[in-house]
Amino acid sequence: MAFYDKRMFLWYVAIDGGAPVRIDESLGGGAGTMAPAWSPDSHWIAYAKMLKSWMRAVFVHSVDEGKAFQVTDGLSDARHPVFDANGKYLYFSAST
């Protein structure tokens, strides 16, 4: 399960137990901003994060590596990432 708290910290918890793992944090953006989405194979979590420029960028977090990677350039306001059913493509909306 992936979720974010009122401080805009993004977390995940393994369904089989264990402690919550903090992934990242956003500068703000309000409810629904981060919108975490799991990949079908459960190895990746996609989410949107507010940057210092006050634009959102899409990131993917590798559960295996414990690292996050920015996948949009931050020049448009990108949000609502979701993987396709096969996990091959990542879809999101962006306002240029």
PDB file of N, CA and C in Angstrom:
ATOM      1  N   MET A   1       0.841  -1.159   0.000  1.00  0.00           N
ATOM      2  CA  MET A   1       0.000   0.000   0.000  1.00  0.00           C
ATOM      3  C   MET A   1       0.900   1.241   0.000  1.00  0.00           C
ATOM      4  N   ALA A   2       0.585   2.222  -0.838  1.00  0.00           N
ATOM      5  CA  ALA A   2       1.311   3.486  -0.885  1.00  0.00           C
ATOM      6  C   ALA A   2       0.360   4.604  -0.500  1.00  0.00           C
ATOM      7  N   PHE A   3       0.872   5.562   0.254  1.00  0.00           N
ATOM      8  CA  PHE A   3       0.034   6.669   0.712  1.00  0.00           C
ATOM      9  C   PHE A   3       0.922   7.859   1.052  1.00  0.00           C
ATOM     10  N   TYR A   4       0.307   9.026   1.203  1.00  0.00           N
ATOM     11  CA  TYR A   4       1.038  10.190   1.685  1.00  0.00           C
ATOM     12  C   TYR A   4       0.283  10.776   2.873  1.00  0.00           C
ATOM     13  N   ASP A   5       1.039  11.444   3.753  1.00  0.00           N
ATOM     14  CA  ASP A   5       0.428  11.993   4.961  1.00  0.00           C
ATOM     15  C   ASP A   5       0.220  13.501   4.817  1.00  0.00           C
ATOM     16  N   LYS A   6      -0.266  14.147   5.876  1.00  0.00           N
ATOM     17  CA  LYS A   6      -0.580  15.574   5.807  1.00  0.00           C
ATOM     18  C   LYS A   6       0.661  16.447   5.678  1.00  0.00           C
ATOM     19  N   ARG A   7       1.835  15.898   5.938  1.00  0.00           N
ATOM     20  CA  ARG A   7       3.090  16.641   5.749  1.00  0.00           C
ATOM     21  C   ARG A   7       3.650  16.460   4.338  1.00  0.00           C
ATOM     22  N   MET A   8       2.897  15.751   3.506  1.00  0.00           N
ATOM     23  CA  MET A   8       3.275  15.456   2.121  1.00  0.00           C
ATOM     24  C   MET A   8       4.495  14.534   2.033  1.00  0.00           C
ATOM     25  N   PHE A   9       4.637  13.630   3.005  1.00  0.00           N
ATOM     26  CA  PHE A   9       5.626  12.563   2.932  1.00  0.00           C
ATOM     27  C   PHE A   9       4.948  11.377   2.264  1.00  0.00           C
ATOM     28  N   LEU A  10       5.632  10.759   1.307  1.00  0.00           N
ATOM     29  CA  LEU A  10       5.113   9.584   0.616  1.00  0.00           C
ATOM     30  C   LEU A  10       5.705   8.333   1.257  1.00  0.00           C
ATOM     31  N   TRP A  11       4.840   7.360   1.535  1.00  0.00           N
ATOM     32  CA  TRP A  11       5.212   6.121   2.223  1.00  0.00           C
ATOM     33  C   TRP A  11       4.672   4.907   1.476  1.00  0.00           C
ATOM     34  N   TYR A  12       5.278   3.748   1.765  1.00  0.00           N
ATOM     35  CA  TYR A  12       4.640   2.491   1.383  1.00  0.00           C
ATOM     36  C   TYR A  12       4.816   1.491   2.511  1.00  0.00           C
ATOM     37  N   VAL A  13       3.894   0.555   2.574  1.00  0.00           N
ATOM     38  CA  VAL A  13       3.920  -0.511   3.570  1.00  0.00           C
ATOM     39  C   VAL A  13       3.661  -1.818   2.836  1.00  0.00           C
ATOM     40  N   ALA A  14       4.487  -2.810   3.099  1.00  0.00           N
ATOM     41  CA  ALA A  14       4.272  -4.131   2.509  1.00  0.00           C
ATOM     42  C   ALA A  14       3.029  -4.748   3.135  1.00  0.00           C
ATOM     43  N   ILE A  15       2.210  -5.359   2.318  1.00  0.00           N
ATOM     44  CA  ILE A  15       0.967  -5.966   2.783  1.00  0.00           C
ATOM     45  C   ILE A  15       1.236  -7.087   3.790  1.00  0.00           C
ATOM     46  N   ASP A  16       2.350  -7.785   3.630  1.00  0.00           N
ATOM     47  CA  ASP A  16       2.656  -8.899   4.535  1.00  0.00           C
ATOM     48  C   ASP A  16       3.270  -8.441   5.859  1.00  0.00           C
ATOM     49  N   GLY A  17       3.300  -7.152   6.099  1.00  0.00           N
ATOM     50  CA  GLY A  17       3.801  -6.615   7.365  1.00  0.00           C
ATOM     51  C   GLY A  17       5.058  -5.793   7.179  1.00  0.00           C
ATOM     52  N   GLY A  18       5.626  -5.404   8.266  1.00  0.00           N
ATOM     53  CA  GLY A  18       6.823  -4.595   8.216  1.00  0.00           C
ATOM     54  C   GLY A  18       6.524  -3.137   8.523  1.00  0.00           C
ATOM     55  N   ALA A  19       7.571  -2.392   8.716  1.00  0.00           N
ATOM     56  CA  ALA A  19       7.452  -0.977   9.056  1.00  0.00           C
ATOM     57  C   ALA A  19       7.213  -0.143   7.801  1.00  0.00           C
ATOM     58  N   PRO A  20       6.510   0.970   7.928  1.00  0.00           N
ATOM     59  CA  PRO A  20       6.343   1.879   6.786  1.00  0.00           C
ATOM     60  C   PRO A  20       7.699   2.403   6.315  1.00  0.00           C
ATOM     61  N   VAL A  21       7.844   2.559   5.002  1.00  0.00           N
ATOM     62  CA  VAL A  21       9.077   3.059   4.404  1.00  0.00           C
ATOM     63  C   VAL A  21       8.780   4.423   3.777  1.00  0.00           C
ATOM     64  N   ARG A  22       9.509   5.450   4.198  1.00  0.00           N
ATOM     65  CA  ARG A  22       9.327   6.785   3.625  1.00  0.00           C
ATOM     66  C   ARG A  22      10.087   6.865   2.312  1.00  0.00           C
ATOM     67  N   ILE A  23       9.387   7.237   1.253  1.00  0.00           N
ATOM     68  CA  ILE A  23       9.960   7.276  -0.084  1.00  0.00           C
ATOM     69  C   ILE A  23      10.477   8.661  -0.444  1.00  0.00           C
ATOM     70  N   ASP A  24       9.627   9.671  -0.245  1.00  0.00           N
ATOM     71  CA  ASP A  24       9.942  11.013  -0.739  1.00  0.00           C
ATOM     72  C   ASP A  24       9.036  12.009  -0.031  1.00  0.00           C
ATOM     73  N   GLU A  25       9.188  13.286  -0.376  1.00  0.00           N
ATOM     74  CA  GLU A  25       8.286  14.309   0.126  1.00  0.00           C
ATOM     75  C   GLU A  25       8.076  15.365  -0.952  1.00  0.00           C
ATOM     76  N   SER A  26       6.916  16.012  -0.883  1.00  0.00           N
ATOM     77  CA  SER A  26       6.570  17.063  -1.831  1.00  0.00           C
ATOM     78  C   SER A  26       6.525  18.389  -1.091  1.00  0.00           C
ATOM     79  N   LEU A  27       6.734  19.476  -1.810  1.00  0.00           N
ATOM     80  CA  LEU A  27       6.692  20.803  -1.194  1.00  0.00           C
ATOM     81  C   LEU A  27       5.282  21.252  -0.869  1.00  0.00           C
ATOM     82  N   GLY A  28       4.304  20.580  -1.384  1.00  0.00           N
ATOM     83  CA  GLY A  28       2.914  20.948  -1.141  1.00  0.00           C
ATOM     84  C   GLY A  28       2.054  20.495  -2.291  1.00  0.00           C
ATOM     85  N   GLY A  29       0.899  21.105  -2.424  1.00  0.00           N
ATOM     86  CA  GLY A  29       0.057  20.792  -3.558  1.00  0.00           C
ATOM     87  C   GLY A  29      -1.340  20.360  -3.228  1.00  0.00           C
ATOM     88  N   GLY A  30      -1.617  20.038  -1.992  1.00  0.00           N
ATOM     89  CA  GLY A  30      -2.979  19.695  -1.612  1.00  0.00           C
ATOM     90  C   GLY A  30      -3.339  18.241  -1.846  1.00  0.00           C
ATOM     91  N   ALA A  31      -4.599  17.951  -1.553  1.00  0.00           N
ATOM     92  CA  ALA A  31      -5.103  16.582  -1.622  1.00  0.00           C
ATOM     93  C   ALA A  31      -5.013  16.008  -3.031  1.00  0.00           C
ATOM     94  N   GLY A  32      -4.606  14.776  -3.130  1.00  0.00           N
ATOM     95  CA  GLY A  32      -4.540  14.084  -4.412  1.00  0.00           C
ATOM     96  C   GLY A  32      -3.333  14.421  -5.248  1.00  0.00           C
ATOM     97  N   THR A  33      -2.456  15.271  -4.759  1.00  0.00           N
ATOM     98  CA  THR A  33      -1.324  15.729  -5.561  1.00  0.00           C
ATOM     99  C   THR A  33      -0.366  14.605  -5.913  1.00  0.00           C
ATOM    100  N   MET A  34       0.053  13.836  -4.948  1.00  0.00           N
ATOM    101  CA  MET A  34       1.073  12.827  -5.203  1.00  0.00           C
ATOM    102  C   MET A  34       0.515  11.621  -5.952  1.00  0.00           C
ATOM    103  N   ALA A  35      -0.717  11.244  -5.688  1.00  0.00           N
ATOM    104  CA  ALA A  35      -1.426  10.177  -6.405  1.00  0.00           C
ATOM    105  C   ALA A  35      -0.545   8.963  -6.698  1.00  0.00           C
ATOM    106  N   PRO A  36      -0.027   8.273  -5.672  1.00  0.00           N
ATOM    107  CA  PRO A  36       0.838   7.123  -5.922  1.00  0.00           C
ATOM    108  C   PRO A  36       0.111   5.989  -6.640  1.00  0.00           C
ATOM    109  N   ALA A  37       0.825   5.339  -7.567  1.00  0.00           N
ATOM    110  CA  ALA A  37       0.266   4.216  -8.333  1.00  0.00           C
ATOM    111  C   ALA A  37       1.333   3.128  -8.458  1.00  0.00           C
ATOM    112  N   TRP A  38       0.971   1.913  -8.128  1.00  0.00           N
ATOM    113  CA  TRP A  38       1.889   0.770  -8.218  1.00  0.00           C
ATOM    114  C   TRP A  38       1.964   0.251  -9.643  1.00  0.00           C
ATOM    115  N   SER A  39       3.125  -0.256 -10.022  1.00  0.00           N
ATOM    116  CA  SER A  39       3.252  -0.985 -11.282  1.00  0.00           C
ATOM    117  C   SER A  39       2.620  -2.366 -11.086  1.00  0.00           C
ATOM    118  N   PRO A  40       2.191  -3.014 -12.182  1.00  0.00           N
ATOM    119  CA  PRO A  40       1.560  -4.336 -12.051  1.00  0.00           C
ATOM    120  C   PRO A  40       2.455  -5.384 -11.380  1.00  0.00           C
ATOM    121  N   ASP A  41       3.782  -5.268 -11.522  1.00  0.00           N
ATOM    122  CA  ASP A  41       4.681  -6.241 -10.902  1.00  0.00           C
ATOM    123  C   ASP A  41       5.094  -5.856  -9.479  1.00  0.00           C
ATOM    124  N   SER A  42       4.587  -4.725  -8.987  1.00  0.00           N
ATOM    125  CA  SER A  42       4.855  -4.225  -7.629  1.00  0.00           C
ATOM    126  C   SER A  42       6.319  -3.879  -7.370  1.00  0.00           C
ATOM    127  N   HIS A  43       7.072  -3.587  -8.413  1.00  0.00           N
ATOM    128  CA  HIS A  43       8.471  -3.187  -8.248  1.00  0.00           C
ATOM    129  C   HIS A  43       8.647  -1.674  -8.306  1.00  0.00           C
ATOM    130  N   TRP A  44       7.638  -0.952  -8.756  1.00  0.00           N
ATOM    131  CA  TRP A  44       7.732   0.498  -8.944  1.00  0.00           C
ATOM    132  C   TRP A  44       6.497   1.192  -8.384  1.00  0.00           C
ATOM    133  N   ILE A  45       6.692   2.400  -7.867  1.00  0.00           N
ATOM    134  CA  ILE A  45       5.602   3.285  -7.480  1.00  0.00           C
ATOM    135  C   ILE A  45       5.796   4.588  -8.245  1.00  0.00           C
ATOM    136  N   ALA A  46       4.777   4.981  -8.997  1.00  0.00           N
ATOM    137  CA  ALA A  46       4.815   6.258  -9.725  1.00  0.00           C
ATOM    138  C   ALA A  46       4.031   7.284  -8.914  1.00  0.00           C
ATOM    139  N   TYR A  47       4.502   8.522  -8.938  1.00  0.00           N
ATOM    140  CA  TYR A  47       3.829   9.590  -8.204  1.00  0.00           C
ATOM    141  C   TYR A  47       4.243  10.944  -8.769  1.00  0.00           C
ATOM    142  N   ALA A  48       3.478  11.964  -8.438  1.00  0.00           N
ATOM    143  CA  ALA A  48       3.800  13.334  -8.834  1.00  0.00           C
ATOM    144  C   ALA A  48       4.282  14.087  -7.606  1.00  0.00           C
ATOM    145  N   LYS A  49       5.221  14.985  -7.825  1.00  0.00           N
ATOM    146  CA  LYS A  49       5.819  15.718  -6.710  1.00  0.00           C
ATOM    147  C   LYS A  49       5.994  17.177  -7.099  1.00  0.00           C
ATOM    148  N   MET A  50       5.673  18.085  -6.185  1.00  0.00           N
ATOM    149  CA  MET A  50       5.851  19.510  -6.412  1.00  0.00           C
ATOM    150  C   MET A  50       7.338  19.851  -6.331  1.00  0.00           C
ATOM    151  N   LEU A  51       7.820  20.585  -7.337  1.00  0.00           N
ATOM    152  CA  LEU A  51       9.217  21.012  -7.373  1.00  0.00           C
ATOM    153  C   LEU A  51       9.350  22.429  -6.821  1.00  0.00           C
ATOM    154  N   LYS A  52      10.568  22.917  -6.676  1.00  0.00           N
ATOM    155  CA  LYS A  52      10.799  24.281  -6.196  1.00  0.00           C
ATOM    156  C   LYS A  52      10.220  25.328  -7.136  1.00  0.00           C
ATOM    157  N   SER A  53      10.060  24.981  -8.399  1.00  0.00           N
ATOM    158  CA  SER A  53       9.490  25.886  -9.400  1.00  0.00           C
ATOM    159  C   SER A  53       7.964  25.967  -9.290  1.00  0.00           C
ATOM    160  N   TRP A  54       7.370  25.202  -8.378  1.00  0.00           N
ATOM    161  CA  TRP A  54       5.924  25.072  -8.172  1.00  0.00           C
ATOM    162  C   TRP A  54       5.228  24.370  -9.336  1.00  0.00           C
ATOM    163  N   MET A  55       5.989  23.657 -10.121  1.00  0.00           N
ATOM    164  CA  MET A  55       5.451  22.747 -11.134  1.00  0.00           C
ATOM    165  C   MET A  55       5.615  21.339 -10.576  1.00  0.00           C
ATOM    166  N   ARG A  56       4.742  20.431 -10.979  1.00  0.00           N
ATOM    167  CA  ARG A  56       4.853  19.044 -10.539  1.00  0.00           C
ATOM    168  C   ARG A  56       5.581  18.235 -11.610  1.00  0.00           C
ATOM    169  N   ALA A  57       6.354  17.274 -11.150  1.00  0.00           N
ATOM    170  CA  ALA A  57       7.038  16.345 -12.047  1.00  0.00           C
ATOM    171  C   ALA A  57       6.647  14.931 -11.630  1.00  0.00           C
ATOM    172  N   VAL A  58       6.698  14.002 -12.575  1.00  0.00           N
ATOM    173  CA  VAL A  58       6.404  12.601 -12.293  1.00  0.00           C
ATOM    174  C   VAL A  58       7.716  11.893 -11.939  1.00  0.00           C
ATOM    175  N   PHE A  59       7.646  11.107 -10.891  1.00  0.00           N
ATOM    176  CA  PHE A  59       8.775  10.309 -10.423  1.00  0.00           C
ATOM    177  C   PHE A  59       8.353   8.849 -10.369  1.00  0.00           C
ATOM    178  N   VAL A  60       9.321   7.955 -10.465  1.00  0.00           N
ATOM    179  CA  VAL A  60       9.098   6.540 -10.193  1.00  0.00           C
ATOM    180  C   VAL A  60      10.098   6.112  -9.128  1.00  0.00           C
ATOM    181  N   HIS A  61       9.621   5.352  -8.180  1.00  0.00           N
ATOM    182  CA  HIS A  61      10.456   4.843  -7.095  1.00  0.00           C
ATOM    183  C   HIS A  61      10.632   3.350  -7.288  1.00  0.00           C
ATOM    184  N   SER A  62      11.878   2.901  -7.310  1.00  0.00           N
ATOM    185  CA  SER A  62      12.183   1.477  -7.396  1.00  0.00           C
ATOM    186  C   SER A  62      12.173   0.891  -5.989  1.00  0.00           C
ATOM    187  N   VAL A  63      11.240  -0.010  -5.732  1.00  0.00           N
ATOM    188  CA  VAL A  63      11.162  -0.660  -4.426  1.00  0.00           C
ATOM    189  C   VAL A  63      12.413  -1.509  -4.202  1.00  0.00           C
ATOM    190  N   ASP A  64      12.904  -2.153  -5.262  1.00  0.00           N
ATOM    191  CA  ASP A  64      14.081  -3.014  -5.160  1.00  0.00           C
ATOM    192  C   ASP A  64      15.345  -2.230  -4.824  1.00  0.00           C
ATOM    193  N   GLU A  65      15.532  -1.075  -5.481  1.00  0.00           N
ATOM    194  CA  GLU A  65      16.738  -0.264  -5.277  1.00  0.00           C
ATOM    195  C   GLU A  65      16.590   0.758  -4.158  1.00  0.00           C
ATOM    196  N   GLY A  66      15.367   1.085  -3.804  1.00  0.00           N
ATOM    197  CA  GLY A  66      15.145   2.097  -2.783  1.00  0.00           C
ATOM    198  C   GLY A  66      15.486   3.501  -3.246  1.00  0.00           C
ATOM    199  N   LYS A  67      15.391   3.734  -4.574  1.00  0.00           N
ATOM    200  CA  LYS A  67      15.731   5.043  -5.143  1.00  0.00           C
ATOM    201  C   LYS A  67      14.598   5.545  -6.020  1.00  0.00           C
ATOM    202  N   ALA A  68      14.478   6.876  -6.089  1.00  0.00           N
ATOM    203  CA  ALA A  68      13.477   7.511  -6.945  1.00  0.00           C
ATOM    204  C   ALA A  68      14.162   8.159  -8.146  1.00  0.00           C
ATOM    205  N   PHE A  69      13.434   8.187  -9.266  1.00  0.00           N
ATOM    206  CA  PHE A  69      13.949   8.761 -10.501  1.00  0.00           C
ATOM    207  C   PHE A  69      12.905   9.705 -11.084  1.00  0.00           C
ATOM    208  N   GLN A  70      13.317  10.922 -11.436  1.00  0.00           N
ATOM    209  CA  GLN A  70      12.408  11.873 -12.073  1.00  0.00           C
ATOM    210  C   GLN A  70      12.300  11.505 -13.549  1.00  0.00           C
ATOM    211  N   VAL A  71      11.058  11.347 -14.046  1.00  0.00           N
ATOM    212  CA  VAL A  71      10.871  10.912 -15.438  1.00  0.00           C
ATOM    213  C   VAL A  71      10.263  11.983 -16.335  1.00  0.00           C
ATOM    214  N   THR A  72       9.859  13.127 -15.769  1.00  0.00           N
ATOM    215  CA  THR A  72       9.444  14.266 -16.589  1.00  0.00           C
ATOM    216  C   THR A  72      10.382  15.425 -16.286  1.00  0.00           C
ATOM    217  N   ASP A  73      10.453  16.374 -17.222  1.00  0.00           N
ATOM    218  CA  ASP A  73      11.463  17.430 -17.111  1.00  0.00           C
ATOM    219  C   ASP A  73      11.143  18.548 -16.129  1.00  0.00           C
ATOM    220  N   GLY A  74       9.931  18.649 -15.654  1.00  0.00           N
ATOM    221  CA  GLY A  74       9.576  19.698 -14.717  1.00  0.00           C
ATOM    222  C   GLY A  74       9.213  21.020 -15.370  1.00  0.00           C
ATOM    223  N   LEU A  75       9.162  21.049 -16.699  1.00  0.00           N
ATOM    224  CA  LEU A  75       8.806  22.272 -17.421  1.00  0.00           C
ATOM    225  C   LEU A  75       7.313  22.379 -17.672  1.00  0.00           C
ATOM    226  N   SER A  76       6.584  21.321 -17.389  1.00  0.00           N
ATOM    227  CA  SER A  76       5.122  21.346 -17.460  1.00  0.00           C
ATOM    228  C   SER A  76       4.605  20.768 -16.149  1.00  0.00           C
ATOM    229  N   ASP A  77       3.364  21.037 -15.844  1.00  0.00           N
ATOM    230  CA  ASP A  77       2.769  20.553 -14.609  1.00  0.00           C
ATOM    231  C   ASP A  77       2.218  19.147 -14.857  1.00  0.00           C
ATOM    232  N   ALA A  78       2.990  18.132 -14.489  1.00  0.00           N
ATOM    233  CA  ALA A  78       2.635  16.734 -14.762  1.00  0.00           C
ATOM    234  C   ALA A  78       2.064  16.097 -13.499  1.00  0.00           C
ATOM    235  N   ARG A  79       0.966  15.339 -13.657  1.00  0.00           N
ATOM    236  CA  ARG A  79       0.328  14.683 -12.520  1.00  0.00           C
ATOM    237  C   ARG A  79      -0.379  13.390 -12.920  1.00  0.00           C
ATOM    238  N   HIS A  80      -0.924  12.733 -11.921  1.00  0.00           N
ATOM    239  CA  HIS A  80      -1.769  11.541 -12.061  1.00  0.00           C
ATOM    240  C   HIS A  80      -1.105  10.410 -12.866  1.00  0.00           C
ATOM    241  N   PRO A  81       0.116  10.006 -12.516  1.00  0.00           N
ATOM    242  CA  PRO A  81       0.745   8.907 -13.249  1.00  0.00           C
ATOM    243  C   PRO A  81       0.060   7.573 -12.959  1.00  0.00           C
ATOM    244  N   VAL A  82       0.015   6.727 -13.972  1.00  0.00           N
ATOM    245  CA  VAL A  82      -0.537   5.380 -13.815  1.00  0.00           C
ATOM    246  C   VAL A  82       0.114   4.467 -14.856  1.00  0.00           C
ATOM    247  N   PHE A  83       0.426   3.254 -14.451  1.00  0.00           N
ATOM    248  CA  PHE A  83       0.999   2.268 -15.370  1.00  0.00           C
ATOM    249  C   PHE A  83      -0.111   1.596 -16.160  1.00  0.00           C
ATOM    250  N   ASP A  84       0.198   1.176 -17.384  1.00  0.00           N
ATOM    251  CA  ASP A  84      -0.776   0.378 -18.131  1.00  0.00           C
ATOM    252  C   ASP A  84      -0.815  -1.031 -17.531  1.00  0.00           C
ATOM    253  N   ALA A  85      -1.770  -1.839 -17.955  1.00  0.00           N
ATOM    254  CA  ALA A  85      -1.994  -3.163 -17.367  1.00  0.00           C
ATOM    255  C   ALA A  85      -0.788  -4.089 -17.481  1.00  0.00           C
ATOM    256  N   ASN A  86       0.043  -3.904 -18.511  1.00  0.00           N
ATOM    257  CA  ASN A  86       1.228  -4.740 -18.684  1.00  0.00           C
ATOM    258  C   ASN A  86       2.468  -4.160 -18.013  1.00  0.00           C
ATOM    259  N   GLY A  87       2.384  -2.916 -17.542  1.00  0.00           N
ATOM    260  CA  GLY A  87       3.530  -2.271 -16.907  1.00  0.00           C
ATOM    261  C   GLY A  87       4.564  -1.752 -17.873  1.00  0.00           C
ATOM    262  N   LYS A  88       4.232  -1.743 -19.165  1.00  0.00           N
ATOM    263  CA  LYS A  88       5.198  -1.297 -20.177  1.00  0.00           C
ATOM    264  C   LYS A  88       5.196   0.216 -20.333  1.00  0.00           C
ATOM    265  N   TYR A  89       4.031   0.855 -20.148  1.00  0.00           N
ATOM    266  CA  TYR A  89       3.904   2.295 -20.354  1.00  0.00           C
ATOM    267  C   TYR A  89       3.444   2.975 -19.084  1.00  0.00           C
ATOM    268  N   LEU A  90       3.871   4.228 -18.931  1.00  0.00           N
ATOM    269  CA  LEU A  90       3.444   5.072 -17.829  1.00  0.00           C
ATOM    270  C   LEU A  90       2.691   6.254 -18.436  1.00  0.00           C
ATOM    271  N   TYR A  91       1.436   6.393 -18.049  1.00  0.00           N
ATOM    272  CA  TYR A  91       0.593   7.490 -18.553  1.00  0.00           C
ATOM    273  C   TYR A  91       0.456   8.542 -17.461  1.00  0.00           C
ATOM    274  N   PHE A  92       0.330   9.800 -17.862  1.00  0.00           N
ATOM    275  CA  PHE A  92       0.105  10.896 -16.930  1.00  0.00           C
ATOM    276  C   PHE A  92      -0.480  12.079 -17.688  1.00  0.00           C
ATOM    277  N   SER A  93      -1.024  13.023 -16.956  1.00  0.00           N
ATOM    278  CA  SER A  93      -1.519  14.240 -17.594  1.00  0.00           C
ATOM    279  C   SER A  93      -0.492  15.344 -17.359  1.00  0.00           C
ATOM    280  N   ALA A  94      -0.448  16.296 -18.292  1.00  0.00           N
ATOM    281  CA  ALA A  94       0.494  17.418 -18.158  1.00  0.00           C
ATOM    282  C   ALA A  94      -0.110  18.663 -18.772  1.00  0.00           C
ATOM    283  N   SER A  95       0.131  19.770 -18.136  1.00  0.00           N
ATOM    284  CA  SER A  95      -0.332  21.062 -18.643  1.00  0.00           C
ATOM    285  C   SER A  95       0.888  21.881 -19.014  1.00  0.00           C
ATOM    286  N   THR A  96       0.965  22.236 -20.280  1.00  0.00           N
ATOM    287  CA  THR A  96       2.122  23.017 -20.729  1.00  0.00           C
ATOM    288  C   THR A  96       1.778  24.462 -20.777  1.00  0.00           C
TER     289      THR A  96
END
